[in-house]
Amino acid sequence: MSALAVSHILLWVIVVILCFVVFALLRQIGVLHERVFPAGALMTNRGPQAGDPAPAMQLRAFDDSHIALADGIRSTLLLFVSPTCPVCKTLLPIVASVEKTERAQHPLQVILASDGDSAQEQGQHLEFIDTHRLDKSRYVVSKPLGLAFVVEKLPFAALIDRAGVIRAKGLVNSREHLESLFEAHERGVSSLQEYLAHD
């Protein structure tokens, strides 16, 4: 009986020690989580930079209406996508969610841009719009627009303020990347990476 009692006491001591260890580890994970800053959109050095005016272009939407990158009222999130880009397709619901969240704080319009002028490519765009229930009045097919922003990889986004100035840009693959554009704009920097470097 004495051996059984000793073993029970040792087991309880071990359990209590393990509880303290788990608590300490959880606390350390919380500290690490606070120290790890969310990754921002991947900046590119080519094309117009943050602080530059957005290219002045006449844009025609898929429904033949005209779109302005800057209208003096709303900011613009310009997102370059393609019907053949799988990451773009997974990003579309996230864009809709981010648009709703940001719109609650300040006026915002989202413009989806792509290229391809052939009849076959036009058919792909129409199928892409219908499949994902996109707004034709906010979908632009313009190769010159992609060239003006020097878009090399997709999905690529640029945040333009209502005065037509580019505030942030970069490759975006997740919600965190998209939100980092707005975060950088609010902090007055071109990217979260720049903010961390100054900090």
Protein backbone atom coordinates (compact mmCIF):
# COMPACT_ATOMS: atom_id res chain seq x y z
CA MET A 1 0.00 0.00 0.00
CA SER A 2 2.83 2.41 0.80
CA ALA A 3 4.37 1.83 -2.65
CA LEU A 4 0.97 2.48 -4.27
CA ALA A 5 0.51 5.70 -2.29
CA VAL A 6 4.00 6.92 -3.22
CA SER A 7 3.36 6.18 -6.90
CA HIS A 8 0.06 8.13 -6.77
CA ILE A 9 1.77 11.08 -5.11
CA LEU A 10 4.54 11.03 -7.74
CA LEU A 11 1.99 10.88 -10.54
CA TRP A 12 0.13 13.90 -9.14
CA VAL A 13 3.38 15.81 -8.78
CA ILE A 14 4.21 15.05 -12.42
CA VAL A 15 0.72 16.13 -13.54
CA VAL A 16 1.03 19.44 -11.67
CA ILE A 17 4.49 20.04 -13.17
CA LEU A 18 3.15 19.26 -16.65
CA CYS A 19 0.30 21.74 -16.12
CA PHE A 20 2.81 24.48 -15.25
CA VAL A 21 4.91 23.60 -18.31
CA VAL A 22 1.88 23.70 -20.64
CA PHE A 23 0.80 27.04 -19.16
CA ALA A 24 4.30 28.46 -19.67
CA LEU A 25 4.37 27.23 -23.28
CA LEU A 26 0.96 28.74 -24.02
CA ARG A 27 2.13 32.06 -22.61
CA GLN A 28 5.28 31.91 -24.75
CA ILE A 29 3.22 31.17 -27.87
CA GLY A 30 1.09 34.25 -27.11
CA VAL A 31 4.21 36.40 -26.79
CA LEU A 32 5.58 35.06 -30.10
CA HIS A 33 2.24 35.68 -31.79
CA GLU A 34 2.35 39.34 -30.72
CA ARG A 35 5.92 39.74 -31.95
CA VAL A 36 5.32 38.20 -35.37
CA PHE A 37 3.99 40.96 -37.63
CA PRO A 38 1.63 39.90 -40.44
CA ALA A 39 3.30 39.55 -43.84
CA GLY A 40 2.46 42.29 -46.27
CA ALA A 41 1.92 42.16 -49.99
CA LEU A 42 5.14 41.47 -51.90
CA MET A 43 6.34 44.80 -53.29
CA THR A 44 7.83 45.10 -56.78
CA ASN A 45 10.35 47.71 -57.90
CA ARG A 46 9.06 47.93 -61.44
CA GLY A 47 6.32 50.26 -62.61
CA PRO A 48 4.81 53.21 -60.74
CA GLN A 49 5.65 53.24 -57.04
CA ALA A 50 3.67 54.21 -53.94
CA GLY A 51 3.33 57.99 -53.94
CA ASP A 52 3.27 58.21 -57.74
CA PRO A 53 0.10 59.21 -59.59
CA ALA A 54 -1.78 56.32 -61.12
CA PRO A 55 -1.56 56.19 -64.93
CA ALA A 56 -4.19 58.43 -66.49
CA MET A 57 -6.20 56.08 -68.69
CA GLN A 58 -9.68 55.81 -70.09
CA LEU A 59 -11.01 52.46 -68.90
CA ARG A 60 -13.98 50.67 -70.43
CA ALA A 61 -15.72 48.04 -68.36
CA PHE A 62 -16.99 44.73 -69.72
CA ASP A 63 -20.50 46.22 -69.99
CA ASP A 64 -19.09 49.15 -72.07
CA SER A 65 -19.45 51.69 -69.24
CA HIS A 66 -16.53 53.98 -68.34
CA ILE A 67 -14.53 53.63 -65.12
CA ALA A 68 -12.21 56.15 -63.47
CA LEU A 69 -9.35 54.96 -61.27
CA ALA A 70 -9.90 58.10 -59.21
CA ASP A 71 -13.22 59.93 -58.95
CA GLY A 72 -12.43 62.28 -56.06
CA ILE A 73 -14.86 60.42 -53.81
CA ARG A 74 -13.65 56.85 -53.34
CA SER A 75 -10.41 54.97 -53.03
CA THR A 76 -9.84 52.23 -55.60
CA LEU A 77 -8.56 48.72 -55.09
CA LEU A 78 -7.30 47.65 -58.51
CA LEU A 79 -6.85 43.88 -58.67
CA PHE A 80 -5.29 42.23 -61.71
CA VAL A 81 -6.69 38.74 -62.30
CA SER A 82 -7.05 36.18 -65.06
CA PRO A 83 -9.64 33.49 -65.84
CA THR A 84 -6.76 30.99 -66.04
CA CYS A 85 -5.23 31.95 -62.66
CA PRO A 86 -6.26 29.46 -59.91
CA VAL A 87 -5.05 31.71 -57.07
CA CYS A 88 -7.14 34.58 -58.46
CA LYS A 89 -10.26 32.42 -58.26
CA THR A 90 -9.68 31.53 -54.60
CA LEU A 91 -9.00 35.20 -53.84
CA LEU A 92 -12.30 36.54 -55.23
CA PRO A 93 -14.49 35.70 -52.17
CA ILE A 94 -11.81 37.22 -49.94
CA VAL A 95 -11.82 40.40 -52.04
CA ALA A 96 -15.60 40.68 -51.63
CA SER A 97 -15.24 40.28 -47.85
CA VAL A 98 -12.42 42.82 -47.60
CA GLU A 99 -14.38 45.25 -49.77
CA LYS A 100 -17.37 45.02 -47.43
CA THR A 101 -15.16 45.54 -44.35
CA GLU A 102 -13.26 48.50 -45.82
CA ARG A 103 -16.38 50.11 -47.23
CA ALA A 104 -17.77 50.33 -43.71
CA GLN A 105 -14.82 52.60 -42.83
CA HIS A 106 -14.45 54.71 -46.00
CA PRO A 107 -15.78 54.80 -49.60
CA LEU A 108 -14.13 52.16 -51.78
CA GLN A 109 -14.54 50.70 -55.25
CA VAL A 110 -12.97 47.46 -56.45
CA ILE A 111 -11.94 47.13 -60.08
CA LEU A 112 -10.91 43.75 -61.49
CA ALA A 113 -8.55 44.03 -64.46
CA SER A 114 -7.38 41.48 -66.98
CA ASP A 115 -6.20 41.33 -70.59
CA GLY A 116 -6.93 39.37 -73.74
CA ASP A 117 -8.63 40.71 -76.83
CA SER A 118 -9.33 37.65 -78.97
CA ALA A 119 -12.83 36.23 -79.30
CA GLN A 120 -11.79 33.08 -77.41
CA GLU A 121 -10.35 35.15 -74.56
CA GLN A 122 -13.48 37.31 -74.45
CA GLY A 123 -15.49 34.11 -74.04
CA GLN A 124 -13.22 33.04 -71.14
CA HIS A 125 -13.79 36.41 -69.45
CA LEU A 126 -17.56 36.12 -69.84
CA GLU A 127 -17.52 32.61 -68.36
CA PHE A 128 -15.25 33.82 -65.53
CA ILE A 129 -17.64 36.70 -64.77
CA ASP A 130 -20.73 34.47 -64.83
CA THR A 131 -19.16 31.64 -62.79
CA HIS A 132 -17.99 33.94 -60.00
CA ARG A 133 -20.93 36.38 -60.25
CA LEU A 134 -18.73 39.37 -60.87
CA ASP A 135 -19.99 42.86 -61.65
CA LYS A 136 -19.45 43.57 -65.37
CA SER A 137 -19.36 47.31 -64.65
CA ARG A 138 -16.28 46.74 -62.45
CA TYR A 139 -14.45 44.29 -64.73
CA VAL A 140 -11.92 45.75 -67.18
CA VAL A 141 -10.13 43.98 -70.02
CA SER A 142 -7.15 46.21 -70.83
CA LYS A 143 -3.65 45.14 -71.82
CA PRO A 144 -2.36 48.78 -71.67
CA LEU A 145 -3.44 48.99 -68.01
CA GLY A 146 -1.37 45.92 -67.09
CA LEU A 147 1.60 47.33 -69.03
CA ALA A 148 1.26 50.70 -67.30
CA PHE A 149 1.50 49.02 -63.88
CA VAL A 150 4.14 46.55 -65.16
CA VAL A 151 2.20 43.54 -63.90
CA GLU A 152 4.37 40.45 -64.27
CA LYS A 153 2.64 37.98 -61.94
CA LEU A 154 -0.89 37.48 -60.70
CA PRO A 155 -2.79 38.25 -58.60
CA PHE A 156 -1.43 41.80 -58.32
CA ALA A 157 -3.16 44.67 -56.51
CA ALA A 158 -2.75 48.42 -56.22
CA LEU A 159 -4.52 50.71 -53.76
CA ILE A 160 -5.21 54.15 -55.25
CA ASP A 161 -6.59 57.03 -53.17
CA ARG A 162 -9.44 59.24 -54.35
CA ALA A 163 -6.96 61.81 -55.68
CA GLY A 164 -5.44 59.20 -58.01
CA VAL A 165 -2.23 58.57 -56.07
CA ILE A 166 -0.94 55.02 -55.63
CA ARG A 167 -0.71 54.33 -51.89
CA ALA A 168 0.35 50.66 -51.85
CA LYS A 169 0.81 47.81 -54.30
CA GLY A 170 2.15 44.28 -54.57
CA LEU A 171 1.50 40.62 -55.20
CA VAL A 172 -1.41 39.37 -53.09
CA ASN A 173 -2.13 35.70 -52.35
CA SER A 174 -4.19 35.92 -49.16
CA ARG A 175 -6.51 38.07 -47.07
CA GLU A 176 -3.52 39.25 -45.01
CA HIS A 177 -1.80 40.51 -48.17
CA LEU A 178 -4.89 42.43 -49.25
CA GLU A 179 -5.45 43.95 -45.82
CA SER A 180 -1.79 44.94 -45.64
CA LEU A 181 -2.37 47.41 -48.48
CA PHE A 182 -4.98 49.27 -46.44
CA GLU A 183 -2.88 48.98 -43.28
CA ALA A 184 0.15 50.47 -45.06
CA HIS A 185 -1.99 53.34 -46.37
CA GLU A 186 -3.34 54.10 -42.88
CA ARG A 187 0.19 54.11 -41.44
CA GLY A 188 1.47 56.40 -44.20
CA VAL A 189 3.99 53.91 -45.63
CA SER A 190 4.23 52.12 -48.95
CA SER A 191 4.28 48.65 -47.35
CA LEU A 192 4.28 46.90 -44.00
CA GLN A 193 7.88 45.90 -44.70
CA GLU A 194 8.80 49.58 -44.82
CA TYR A 195 6.93 50.19 -41.57
CA LEU A 196 8.85 47.36 -39.86
CA ALA A 197 12.15 48.72 -41.17
CA HIS A 198 11.42 52.17 -39.69
CA ASP A 199 10.07 50.65 -36.48
